[in-house]
Amino acid sequence: MSSSGSILAHPASGGTAHTERETIRALLVERRPDLERRLMVGPSGALLIPLPTGGSIEIGRMRRRGTARWVVVTPSADGAALREPTSLGAVVRTALGALREVEAQR
């Protein structure tokens, strides 16, 4: 996914966001061990899952409706799709669902 700047807020070092990001990473790897080598942390602090088709799935925090929340951004025909899961588990399910969709198209 290409943009002029990330829309994802950088997790505060040592804070709740960092801990939650590492929890998300652990849950992703638990469900998909093959992601351990693929997962990256982008310049914004977002978790990135690079896609074989180009672009990536981004998992990060974004200020929405006055509060920072976790979002999943996926490439789409129109540029990018933003999803706002309501829990860390839902973030993981959303990201893995998006990854399955991309893999099924190959």
PDB file of N, CA and C in Angstrom:
ATOM      1  N   MET A   1       0.855  -1.148   0.000  1.00  0.00           N
ATOM      2  CA  MET A   1       0.000   0.000   0.000  1.00  0.00           C
ATOM      3  C   MET A   1       0.899   1.207   0.000  1.00  0.00           C
ATOM      4  N   SER A   2       0.604   2.137  -0.829  1.00  0.00           N
ATOM      5  CA  SER A   2       1.463   3.292  -0.919  1.00  0.00           C
ATOM      6  C   SER A   2       0.660   4.536  -0.594  1.00  0.00           C
ATOM      7  N   SER A   3       1.263   5.392   0.194  1.00  0.00           N
ATOM      8  CA  SER A   3       0.616   6.649   0.524  1.00  0.00           C
ATOM      9  C   SER A   3       1.691   7.670   0.815  1.00  0.00           C
ATOM     10  N   SER A   4       1.297   8.924   0.885  1.00  0.00           N
ATOM     11  CA  SER A   4       2.274   9.971   1.130  1.00  0.00           C
ATOM     12  C   SER A   4       2.695  10.013   2.590  1.00  0.00           C
ATOM     13  N   GLY A   5       1.991   9.350   3.451  1.00  0.00           N
ATOM     14  CA  GLY A   5       2.334   9.280   4.869  1.00  0.00           C
ATOM     15  C   GLY A   5       1.391   8.316   5.545  1.00  0.00           C
ATOM     16  N   SER A   6       1.854   7.718   6.613  1.00  0.00           N
ATOM     17  CA  SER A   6       1.011   6.734   7.276  1.00  0.00           C
ATOM     18  C   SER A   6      -0.094   7.419   8.060  1.00  0.00           C
ATOM     19  N   ILE A   7      -1.261   6.806   8.055  1.00  0.00           N
ATOM     20  CA  ILE A   7      -2.377   7.305   8.839  1.00  0.00           C
ATOM     21  C   ILE A   7      -2.397   6.660  10.207  1.00  0.00           C
ATOM     22  N   LEU A   8      -1.420   5.817  10.471  1.00  0.00           N
ATOM     23  CA  LEU A   8      -1.402   5.074  11.717  1.00  0.00           C
ATOM     24  C   LEU A   8      -0.530   5.784  12.740  1.00  0.00           C
ATOM     25  N   ALA A   9      -1.028   5.908  13.926  1.00  0.00           N
ATOM     26  CA  ALA A   9      -0.285   6.577  14.992  1.00  0.00           C
ATOM     27  C   ALA A   9       0.803   5.666  15.526  1.00  0.00           C
ATOM     28  N   HIS A  10       1.961   6.234  15.795  1.00  0.00           N
ATOM     29  CA  HIS A  10       3.078   5.467  16.338  1.00  0.00           C
ATOM     30  C   HIS A  10       2.793   5.089  17.784  1.00  0.00           C
ATOM     31  N   PRO A  11       2.905   3.792  18.127  1.00  0.00           N
ATOM     32  CA  PRO A  11       2.674   3.395  19.515  1.00  0.00           C
ATOM     33  C   PRO A  11       3.693   4.049  20.446  1.00  0.00           C
ATOM     34  N   ALA A  12       3.249   4.514  21.563  1.00  0.00           N
ATOM     35  CA  ALA A  12       4.151   5.105  22.547  1.00  0.00           C
ATOM     36  C   ALA A  12       5.094   4.022  23.059  1.00  0.00           C
ATOM     37  N   SER A  13       6.370   4.320  23.093  1.00  0.00           N
ATOM     38  CA  SER A  13       7.320   3.298  23.531  1.00  0.00           C
ATOM     39  C   SER A  13       7.089   2.972  24.998  1.00  0.00           C
ATOM     40  N   GLY A  14       7.001   1.692  25.274  1.00  0.00           N
ATOM     41  CA  GLY A  14       6.818   1.233  26.638  1.00  0.00           C
ATOM     42  C   GLY A  14       5.393   1.367  27.150  1.00  0.00           C
ATOM     43  N   GLY A  15       4.483   1.900  26.350  1.00  0.00           N
ATOM     44  CA  GLY A  15       3.122   2.124  26.814  1.00  0.00           C
ATOM     45  C   GLY A  15       2.187   0.997  26.442  1.00  0.00           C
ATOM     46  N   THR A  16       0.921   1.234  26.699  1.00  0.00           N
ATOM     47  CA  THR A  16      -0.112   0.246  26.421  1.00  0.00           C
ATOM     48  C   THR A  16      -0.142  -0.136  24.949  1.00  0.00           C
ATOM     49  N   ALA A  17       0.014   0.852  24.059  1.00  0.00           N
ATOM     50  CA  ALA A  17      -0.034   0.567  22.626  1.00  0.00           C
ATOM     51  C   ALA A  17       1.053  -0.436  22.229  1.00  0.00           C
ATOM     52  N   HIS A  18       2.251  -0.257  22.762  1.00  0.00           N
ATOM     53  CA  HIS A  18       3.350  -1.187  22.449  1.00  0.00           C
ATOM     54  C   HIS A  18       3.012  -2.587  22.945  1.00  0.00           C
ATOM     55  N   THR A  19       2.501  -2.679  24.159  1.00  0.00           N
ATOM     56  CA  THR A  19       2.133  -3.980  24.730  1.00  0.00           C
ATOM     57  C   THR A  19       1.031  -4.631  23.898  1.00  0.00           C
ATOM     58  N   GLU A  20       0.039  -3.856  23.518  1.00  0.00           N
ATOM     59  CA  GLU A  20      -1.055  -4.389  22.701  1.00  0.00           C
ATOM     60  C   GLU A  20      -0.544  -4.823  21.330  1.00  0.00           C
ATOM     61  N   ARG A  21       0.365  -4.039  20.736  1.00  0.00           N
ATOM     62  CA  ARG A  21       0.920  -4.425  19.433  1.00  0.00           C
ATOM     63  C   ARG A  21       1.643  -5.757  19.547  1.00  0.00           C
ATOM     64  N   GLU A  22       2.401  -5.956  20.614  1.00  0.00           N
ATOM     65  CA  GLU A  22       3.118  -7.217  20.791  1.00  0.00           C
ATOM     66  C   GLU A  22       2.154  -8.368  21.067  1.00  0.00           C
ATOM     67  N   THR A  23       1.042  -8.090  21.721  1.00  0.00           N
ATOM     68  CA  THR A  23       0.004  -9.106  21.921  1.00  0.00           C
ATOM     69  C   THR A  23      -0.592  -9.498  20.579  1.00  0.00           C
ATOM     70  N   ILE A  24      -0.872  -8.515  19.735  1.00  0.00           N
ATOM     71  CA  ILE A  24      -1.408  -8.792  18.394  1.00  0.00           C
ATOM     72  C   ILE A  24      -0.411  -9.621  17.607  1.00  0.00           C
ATOM     73  N   ARG A  25       0.861  -9.235  17.668  1.00  0.00           N
ATOM     74  CA  ARG A  25       1.909 -10.001  16.958  1.00  0.00           C
ATOM     75  C   ARG A  25       1.915 -11.448  17.427  1.00  0.00           C
ATOM     76  N   ALA A  26       1.893 -11.657  18.736  1.00  0.00           N
ATOM     77  CA  ALA A  26       1.930 -13.021  19.288  1.00  0.00           C
ATOM     78  C   ALA A  26       0.711 -13.825  18.847  1.00  0.00           C
ATOM     79  N   LEU A  27      -0.462 -13.212  18.844  1.00  0.00           N
ATOM     80  CA  LEU A  27      -1.674 -13.923  18.414  1.00  0.00           C
ATOM     81  C   LEU A  27      -1.619 -14.265  16.927  1.00  0.00           C
ATOM     82  N   LEU A  28      -1.088 -13.354  16.116  1.00  0.00           N
ATOM     83  CA  LEU A  28      -0.949 -13.637  14.687  1.00  0.00           C
ATOM     84  C   LEU A  28      -0.026 -14.830  14.465  1.00  0.00           C
ATOM     85  N   VAL A  29       1.111 -14.832  15.139  1.00  0.00           N
ATOM     86  CA  VAL A  29       2.092 -15.910  14.972  1.00  0.00           C
ATOM     87  C   VAL A  29       1.557 -17.224  15.538  1.00  0.00           C
ATOM     88  N   GLU A  30       0.791 -17.142  16.620  1.00  0.00           N
ATOM     89  CA  GLU A  30       0.188 -18.352  17.192  1.00  0.00           C
ATOM     90  C   GLU A  30      -0.742 -19.018  16.174  1.00  0.00           C
ATOM     91  N   ARG A  31      -1.525 -18.210  15.487  1.00  0.00           N
ATOM     92  CA  ARG A  31      -2.489 -18.748  14.520  1.00  0.00           C
ATOM     93  C   ARG A  31      -1.869 -19.043  13.162  1.00  0.00           C
ATOM     94  N   ARG A  32      -0.821 -18.301  12.822  1.00  0.00           N
ATOM     95  CA  ARG A  32      -0.134 -18.486  11.541  1.00  0.00           C
ATOM     96  C   ARG A  32       1.372 -18.414  11.765  1.00  0.00           C
ATOM     97  N   PRO A  33       1.988 -19.526  12.204  1.00  0.00           N
ATOM     98  CA  PRO A  33       3.429 -19.507  12.500  1.00  0.00           C
ATOM     99  C   PRO A  33       4.281 -19.026  11.329  1.00  0.00           C
ATOM    100  N   ASP A  34       3.790 -19.200  10.104  1.00  0.00           N
ATOM    101  CA  ASP A  34       4.551 -18.744   8.937  1.00  0.00           C
ATOM    102  C   ASP A  34       4.714 -17.224   8.898  1.00  0.00           C
ATOM    103  N   LEU A  35       3.918 -16.501   9.678  1.00  0.00           N
ATOM    104  CA  LEU A  35       4.020 -15.039   9.688  1.00  0.00           C
ATOM    105  C   LEU A  35       5.196 -14.531  10.524  1.00  0.00           C
ATOM    106  N   GLU A  36       5.764 -15.386  11.350  1.00  0.00           N
ATOM    107  CA  GLU A  36       6.836 -14.928  12.240  1.00  0.00           C
ATOM    108  C   GLU A  36       7.961 -14.239  11.465  1.00  0.00           C
ATOM    109  N   ARG A  37       8.336 -14.781  10.335  1.00  0.00           N
ATOM    110  CA  ARG A  37       9.427 -14.191   9.536  1.00  0.00           C
ATOM    111  C   ARG A  37       8.944 -13.068   8.628  1.00  0.00           C
ATOM    112  N   ARG A  38       7.651 -13.013   8.375  1.00  0.00           N
ATOM    113  CA  ARG A  38       7.119 -11.996   7.455  1.00  0.00           C
ATOM    114  C   ARG A  38       6.727 -10.698   8.148  1.00  0.00           C
ATOM    115  N   LEU A  39       6.266 -10.786   9.395  1.00  0.00           N
ATOM    116  CA  LEU A  39       5.799  -9.594  10.100  1.00  0.00           C
ATOM    117  C   LEU A  39       6.919  -8.579  10.275  1.00  0.00           C
ATOM    118  N   MET A  40       6.579  -7.330  10.026  1.00  0.00           N
ATOM    119  CA  MET A  40       7.546  -6.247  10.169  1.00  0.00           C
ATOM    120  C   MET A  40       6.874  -5.113  10.941  1.00  0.00           C
ATOM    121  N   VAL A  41       7.688  -4.239  11.498  1.00  0.00           N
ATOM    122  CA  VAL A  41       7.178  -3.016  12.097  1.00  0.00           C
ATOM    123  C   VAL A  41       7.581  -1.885  11.161  1.00  0.00           C
ATOM    124  N   GLY A  42       6.585  -1.149  10.687  1.00  0.00           N
ATOM    125  CA  GLY A  42       6.838  -0.055   9.767  1.00  0.00           C
ATOM    126  C   GLY A  42       7.302   1.195  10.495  1.00  0.00           C
ATOM    127  N   PRO A  43       7.663   2.220   9.724  1.00  0.00           N
ATOM    128  CA  PRO A  43       8.153   3.469  10.310  1.00  0.00           C
ATOM    129  C   PRO A  43       7.151   4.131  11.263  1.00  0.00           C
ATOM    130  N   SER A  44       5.868   3.888  11.049  1.00  0.00           N
ATOM    131  CA  SER A  44       4.839   4.481  11.904  1.00  0.00           C
ATOM    132  C   SER A  44       4.644   3.693  13.200  1.00  0.00           C
ATOM    133  N   GLY A  45       5.257   2.496  13.282  1.00  0.00           N
ATOM    134  CA  GLY A  45       5.039   1.616  14.420  1.00  0.00           C
ATOM    135  C   GLY A  45       3.974   0.578  14.154  1.00  0.00           C
ATOM    136  N   ALA A  46       3.357   0.633  12.986  1.00  0.00           N
ATOM    137  CA  ALA A  46       2.332  -0.336  12.615  1.00  0.00           C
ATOM    138  C   ALA A  46       2.971  -1.686  12.302  1.00  0.00           C
ATOM    139  N   LEU A  47       2.233  -2.760  12.581  1.00  0.00           N
ATOM    140  CA  LEU A  47       2.648  -4.089  12.133  1.00  0.00           C
ATOM    141  C   LEU A  47       2.309  -4.196  10.648  1.00  0.00           C
ATOM    142  N   LEU A  48       3.207  -4.727   9.887  1.00  0.00           N
ATOM    143  CA  LEU A  48       2.993  -4.899   8.448  1.00  0.00           C
ATOM    144  C   LEU A  48       3.090  -6.369   8.091  1.00  0.00           C
ATOM    145  N   ILE A  49       2.138  -6.813   7.281  1.00  0.00           N
ATOM    146  CA  ILE A  49       2.207  -8.147   6.697  1.00  0.00           C
ATOM    147  C   ILE A  49       2.383  -7.922   5.197  1.00  0.00           C
ATOM    148  N   PRO A  50       3.635  -8.022   4.695  1.00  0.00           N
ATOM    149  CA  PRO A  50       3.848  -7.838   3.261  1.00  0.00           C
ATOM    150  C   PRO A  50       3.098  -8.907   2.474  1.00  0.00           C
ATOM    151  N   LEU A  51       2.541  -8.488   1.348  1.00  0.00           N
ATOM    152  CA  LEU A  51       1.762  -9.401   0.516  1.00  0.00           C
ATOM    153  C   LEU A  51       2.550  -9.790  -0.722  1.00  0.00           C
ATOM    154  N   PRO A  52       2.408 -11.029  -1.163  1.00  0.00           N
ATOM    155  CA  PRO A  52       3.135 -11.469  -2.359  1.00  0.00           C
ATOM    156  C   PRO A  52       2.699 -10.698  -3.607  1.00  0.00           C
ATOM    157  N   THR A  53       1.519 -10.132  -3.574  1.00  0.00           N
ATOM    158  CA  THR A  53       1.008  -9.377  -4.722  1.00  0.00           C
ATOM    159  C   THR A  53       1.445  -7.925  -4.693  1.00  0.00           C
ATOM    160  N   GLY A  54       2.219  -7.561  -3.684  1.00  0.00           N
ATOM    161  CA  GLY A  54       2.634  -6.173  -3.492  1.00  0.00           C
ATOM    162  C   GLY A  54       1.776  -5.522  -2.432  1.00  0.00           C
ATOM    163  N   GLY A  55       2.260  -4.463  -1.855  1.00  0.00           N
ATOM    164  CA  GLY A  55       1.539  -3.807  -0.781  1.00  0.00           C
ATOM    165  C   GLY A  55       1.619  -4.608   0.498  1.00  0.00           C
ATOM    166  N   SER A  56       0.806  -4.231   1.461  1.00  0.00           N
ATOM    167  CA  SER A  56       0.821  -4.930   2.742  1.00  0.00           C
ATOM    168  C   SER A  56      -0.485  -4.690   3.481  1.00  0.00           C
ATOM    169  N   ILE A  57      -0.711  -5.529   4.449  1.00  0.00           N
ATOM    170  CA  ILE A  57      -1.787  -5.319   5.417  1.00  0.00           C
ATOM    171  C   ILE A  57      -1.127  -4.590   6.572  1.00  0.00           C
ATOM    172  N   GLU A  58      -1.707  -3.473   6.999  1.00  0.00           N
ATOM    173  CA  GLU A  58      -1.161  -2.694   8.099  1.00  0.00           C
ATOM    174  C   GLU A  58      -2.096  -2.770   9.300  1.00  0.00           C
ATOM    175  N   ILE A  59      -1.501  -2.999  10.460  1.00  0.00           N
ATOM    176  CA  ILE A  59      -2.251  -3.062  11.711  1.00  0.00           C
ATOM    177  C   ILE A  59      -1.642  -2.019  12.635  1.00  0.00           C
ATOM    178  N   GLY A  60      -2.420  -1.013  12.969  1.00  0.00           N
ATOM    179  CA  GLY A  60      -1.872   0.049  13.810  1.00  0.00           C
ATOM    180  C   GLY A  60      -2.957   0.813  14.527  1.00  0.00           C
ATOM    181  N   ARG A  61      -2.526   1.799  15.272  1.00  0.00           N
ATOM    182  CA  ARG A  61      -3.470   2.638  16.010  1.00  0.00           C
ATOM    183  C   ARG A  61      -3.694   3.923  15.237  1.00  0.00           C
ATOM    184  N   MET A  62      -4.927   4.363  15.289  1.00  0.00           N
ATOM    185  CA  MET A  62      -5.320   5.570  14.580  1.00  0.00           C
ATOM    186  C   MET A  62      -6.333   6.308  15.438  1.00  0.00           C
ATOM    187  N   ARG A  63      -6.199   7.608  15.488  1.00  0.00           N
ATOM    188  CA  ARG A  63      -7.166   8.394  16.253  1.00  0.00           C
ATOM    189  C   ARG A  63      -8.445   8.489  15.439  1.00  0.00           C
ATOM    190  N   ARG A  64      -9.513   7.927  15.994  1.00  0.00           N
ATOM    191  CA  ARG A  64     -10.829   7.919  15.346  1.00  0.00           C
ATOM    192  C   ARG A  64     -11.868   8.269  16.390  1.00  0.00           C
ATOM    193  N   ARG A  65     -12.744   9.159  16.029  1.00  0.00           N
ATOM    194  CA  ARG A  65     -13.824   9.568  16.931  1.00  0.00           C
ATOM    195  C   ARG A  65     -13.297   9.982  18.309  1.00  0.00           C
ATOM    196  N   GLY A  66     -12.185  10.692  18.318  1.00  0.00           N
ATOM    197  CA  GLY A  66     -11.645  11.237  19.549  1.00  0.00           C
ATOM    198  C   GLY A  66     -10.816  10.307  20.402  1.00  0.00           C
ATOM    199  N   THR A  67     -10.637   9.084  19.969  1.00  0.00           N
ATOM    200  CA  THR A  67      -9.845   8.131  20.761  1.00  0.00           C
ATOM    201  C   THR A  67      -8.979   7.285  19.827  1.00  0.00           C
ATOM    202  N   ALA A  68      -7.847   6.841  20.340  1.00  0.00           N
ATOM    203  CA  ALA A  68      -6.974   5.976  19.548  1.00  0.00           C
ATOM    204  C   ALA A  68      -7.533   4.562  19.584  1.00  0.00           C
ATOM    205  N   ARG A  69      -7.642   3.960  18.418  1.00  0.00           N
ATOM    206  CA  ARG A  69      -8.136   2.582  18.340  1.00  0.00           C
ATOM    207  C   ARG A  69      -7.325   1.827  17.295  1.00  0.00           C
ATOM    208  N   TRP A  70      -7.356   0.517  17.425  1.00  0.00           N
ATOM    209  CA  TRP A  70      -6.646  -0.332  16.472  1.00  0.00           C
ATOM    210  C   TRP A  70      -7.457  -0.435  15.197  1.00  0.00           C
ATOM    211  N   VAL A  71      -6.744  -0.357  14.070  1.00  0.00           N
ATOM    212  CA  VAL A  71      -7.372  -0.492  12.766  1.00  0.00           C
ATOM    213  C   VAL A  71      -6.550  -1.453  11.916  1.00  0.00           C
ATOM    214  N   VAL A  72      -7.212  -2.007  10.911  1.00  0.00           N
ATOM    215  CA  VAL A  72      -6.547  -2.862   9.927  1.00  0.00           C
ATOM    216  C   VAL A  72      -6.782  -2.206   8.573  1.00  0.00           C
ATOM    217  N   VAL A  73      -5.691  -1.910   7.867  1.00  0.00           N
ATOM    218  CA  VAL A  73      -5.767  -1.273   6.556  1.00  0.00           C
ATOM    219  C   VAL A  73      -5.279  -2.277   5.525  1.00  0.00           C
ATOM    220  N   THR A  74      -6.131  -2.514   4.521  1.00  0.00           N
ATOM    221  CA  THR A  74      -5.796  -3.492   3.492  1.00  0.00           C
ATOM    222  C   THR A  74      -5.866  -2.843   2.114  1.00  0.00           C
ATOM    223  N   PRO A  75      -5.017  -3.292   1.193  1.00  0.00           N
ATOM    224  CA  PRO A  75      -5.096  -2.763  -0.166  1.00  0.00           C
ATOM    225  C   PRO A  75      -6.434  -3.138  -0.797  1.00  0.00           C
ATOM    226  N   SER A  76      -6.961  -2.258  -1.616  1.00  0.00           N
ATOM    227  CA  SER A  76      -8.191  -2.560  -2.344  1.00  0.00           C
ATOM    228  C   SER A  76      -8.090  -1.939  -3.728  1.00  0.00           C
ATOM    229  N   ALA A  77      -9.040  -2.260  -4.568  1.00  0.00           N
ATOM    230  CA  ALA A  77      -9.052  -1.714  -5.927  1.00  0.00           C
ATOM    231  C   ALA A  77      -9.130  -0.185  -5.903  1.00  0.00           C
ATOM    232  N   ASP A  78      -9.739   0.360  -4.854  1.00  0.00           N
ATOM    233  CA  ASP A  78      -9.895   1.812  -4.733  1.00  0.00           C
ATOM    234  C   ASP A  78      -8.758   2.460  -3.956  1.00  0.00           C
ATOM    235  N   GLY A  79      -7.746   1.718  -3.586  1.00  0.00           N
ATOM    236  CA  GLY A  79      -6.616   2.246  -2.830  1.00  0.00           C
ATOM    237  C   GLY A  79      -6.401   1.488  -1.541  1.00  0.00           C
ATOM    238  N   ALA A  80      -7.292   1.702  -0.566  1.00  0.00           N
ATOM    239  CA  ALA A  80      -7.157   1.021   0.713  1.00  0.00           C
ATOM    240  C   ALA A  80      -8.515   0.940   1.390  1.00  0.00           C
ATOM    241  N   ALA A  81      -8.684  -0.124   2.154  1.00  0.00           N
ATOM    242  CA  ALA A  81      -9.903  -0.304   2.941  1.00  0.00           C
ATOM    243  C   ALA A  81      -9.512  -0.244   4.415  1.00  0.00           C
ATOM    244  N   LEU A  82     -10.252   0.516   5.181  1.00  0.00           N
ATOM    245  CA  LEU A  82     -10.006   0.665   6.607  1.00  0.00           C
ATOM    246  C   LEU A  82     -11.061  -0.107   7.379  1.00  0.00           C
ATOM    247  N   ARG A  83     -10.601  -0.970   8.265  1.00  0.00           N
ATOM    248  CA  ARG A  83     -11.518  -1.743   9.114  1.00  0.00           C
ATOM    249  C   ARG A  83     -11.206  -1.408  10.558  1.00  0.00           C
ATOM    250  N   GLU A  84     -12.245  -1.300  11.384  1.00  0.00           N
ATOM    251  CA  GLU A  84     -12.093  -0.926  12.791  1.00  0.00           C
ATOM    252  C   GLU A  84     -12.621  -2.021  13.708  1.00  0.00           C
ATOM    253  N   PRO A  85     -11.847  -3.079  13.925  1.00  0.00           N
ATOM    254  CA  PRO A  85     -12.278  -4.140  14.839  1.00  0.00           C
ATOM    255  C   PRO A  85     -12.420  -3.595  16.262  1.00  0.00           C
ATOM    256  N   THR A  86     -13.232  -4.262  17.070  1.00  0.00           N
ATOM    257  CA  THR A  86     -13.546  -3.748  18.404  1.00  0.00           C
ATOM    258  C   THR A  86     -12.702  -4.334  19.534  1.00  0.00           C
ATOM    259  N   SER A  87     -11.860  -5.313  19.234  1.00  0.00           N
ATOM    260  CA  SER A  87     -11.012  -5.913  20.269  1.00  0.00           C
ATOM    261  C   SER A  87      -9.719  -6.397  19.622  1.00  0.00           C
ATOM    262  N   LEU A  88      -8.730  -6.722  20.445  1.00  0.00           N
ATOM    263  CA  LEU A  88      -7.468  -7.217  19.895  1.00  0.00           C
ATOM    264  C   LEU A  88      -7.682  -8.532  19.146  1.00  0.00           C
ATOM    265  N   GLY A  89      -8.520  -9.403  19.697  1.00  0.00           N
ATOM    266  CA  GLY A  89      -8.824 -10.661  19.002  1.00  0.00           C
ATOM    267  C   GLY A  89      -9.474 -10.411  17.656  1.00  0.00           C
ATOM    268  N   ALA A  90     -10.361  -9.426  17.600  1.00  0.00           N
ATOM    269  CA  ALA A  90     -11.025  -9.088  16.337  1.00  0.00           C
ATOM    270  C   ALA A  90     -10.032  -8.484  15.349  1.00  0.00           C
ATOM    271  N   VAL A  91      -9.038  -7.748  15.846  1.00  0.00           N
ATOM    272  CA  VAL A  91      -7.985  -7.207  14.966  1.00  0.00           C
ATOM    273  C   VAL A  91      -7.261  -8.363  14.291  1.00  0.00           C
ATOM    274  N   VAL A  92      -6.902  -9.367  15.072  1.00  0.00           N
ATOM    275  CA  VAL A  92      -6.186 -10.536  14.539  1.00  0.00           C
ATOM    276  C   VAL A  92      -7.060 -11.269  13.523  1.00  0.00           C
ATOM    277  N   ARG A  93      -8.314 -11.513  13.869  1.00  0.00           N
ATOM    278  CA  ARG A  93      -9.226 -12.214  12.937  1.00  0.00           C
ATOM    279  C   ARG A  93      -9.409 -11.415  11.643  1.00  0.00           C
ATOM    280  N   THR A  94      -9.523 -10.106  11.760  1.00  0.00           N
ATOM    281  CA  THR A  94      -9.707  -9.258  10.578  1.00  0.00           C
ATOM    282  C   THR A  94      -8.472  -9.310   9.677  1.00  0.00           C
ATOM    283  N   ALA A  95      -7.300  -9.185  10.276  1.00  0.00           N
ATOM    284  CA  ALA A  95      -6.064  -9.220   9.490  1.00  0.00           C
ATOM    285  C   ALA A  95      -5.874 -10.573   8.815  1.00  0.00           C
ATOM    286  N   LEU A  96      -6.121 -11.652   9.558  1.00  0.00           N
ATOM    287  CA  LEU A  96      -5.964 -12.987   8.974  1.00  0.00           C
ATOM    288  C   LEU A  96      -7.012 -13.251   7.899  1.00  0.00           C
ATOM    289  N   GLY A  97      -8.215 -12.749   8.089  1.00  0.00           N
ATOM    290  CA  GLY A  97      -9.248 -12.880   7.058  1.00  0.00           C
ATOM    291  C   GLY A  97      -8.849 -12.155   5.784  1.00  0.00           C
ATOM    292  N   ALA A  98      -8.298 -10.964   5.927  1.00  0.00           N
ATOM    293  CA  ALA A  98      -7.835 -10.208   4.757  1.00  0.00           C
ATOM    294  C   ALA A  98      -6.688 -10.947   4.070  1.00  0.00           C
ATOM    295  N   LEU A  99      -5.791 -11.521   4.859  1.00  0.00           N
ATOM    296  CA  LEU A  99      -4.678 -12.281   4.289  1.00  0.00           C
ATOM    297  C   LEU A  99      -5.192 -13.506   3.535  1.00  0.00           C
ATOM    298  N   ARG A 100      -6.173 -14.208   4.099  1.00  0.00           N
ATOM    299  CA  ARG A 100      -6.758 -15.369   3.406  1.00  0.00           C
ATOM    300  C   ARG A 100      -7.386 -14.954   2.075  1.00  0.00           C
ATOM    301  N   GLU A 101      -8.062 -13.813   2.064  1.00  0.00           N
ATOM    302  CA  GLU A 101      -8.677 -13.318   0.826  1.00  0.00           C
ATOM    303  C   GLU A 101      -7.620 -13.086  -0.255  1.00  0.00           C
ATOM    304  N   VAL A 102      -6.522 -12.459   0.123  1.00  0.00           N
ATOM    305  CA  VAL A 102      -5.432 -12.203  -0.829  1.00  0.00           C
ATOM    306  C   VAL A 102      -4.838 -13.516  -1.316  1.00  0.00           C
ATOM    307  N   GLU A 103      -4.598 -14.434  -0.393  1.00  0.00           N
ATOM    308  CA  GLU A 103      -4.006 -15.730  -0.769  1.00  0.00           C
ATOM    309  C   GLU A 103      -4.942 -16.542  -1.670  1.00  0.00           C
ATOM    310  N   ALA A 104      -6.233 -16.413  -1.475  1.00  0.00           N
ATOM    311  CA  ALA A 104      -7.196 -17.155  -2.300  1.00  0.00           C
ATOM    312  C   ALA A 104      -7.233 -16.628  -3.737  1.00  0.00           C
ATOM    313  N   GLN A 105      -6.847 -15.390  -3.924  1.00  0.00           N
ATOM    314  CA  GLN A 105      -6.865 -14.775  -5.265  1.00  0.00           C
ATOM    315  C   GLN A 105      -5.656 -15.166  -6.079  1.00  0.00           C
ATOM    316  N   ARG A 106      -4.657 -15.777  -5.442  1.00  0.00           N
ATOM    317  CA  ARG A 106      -3.424 -16.128  -6.154  1.00  0.00           C
ATOM    318  C   ARG A 106      -3.598 -17.342  -6.997  1.00  0.00           C
TER     319      ARG A 106
END
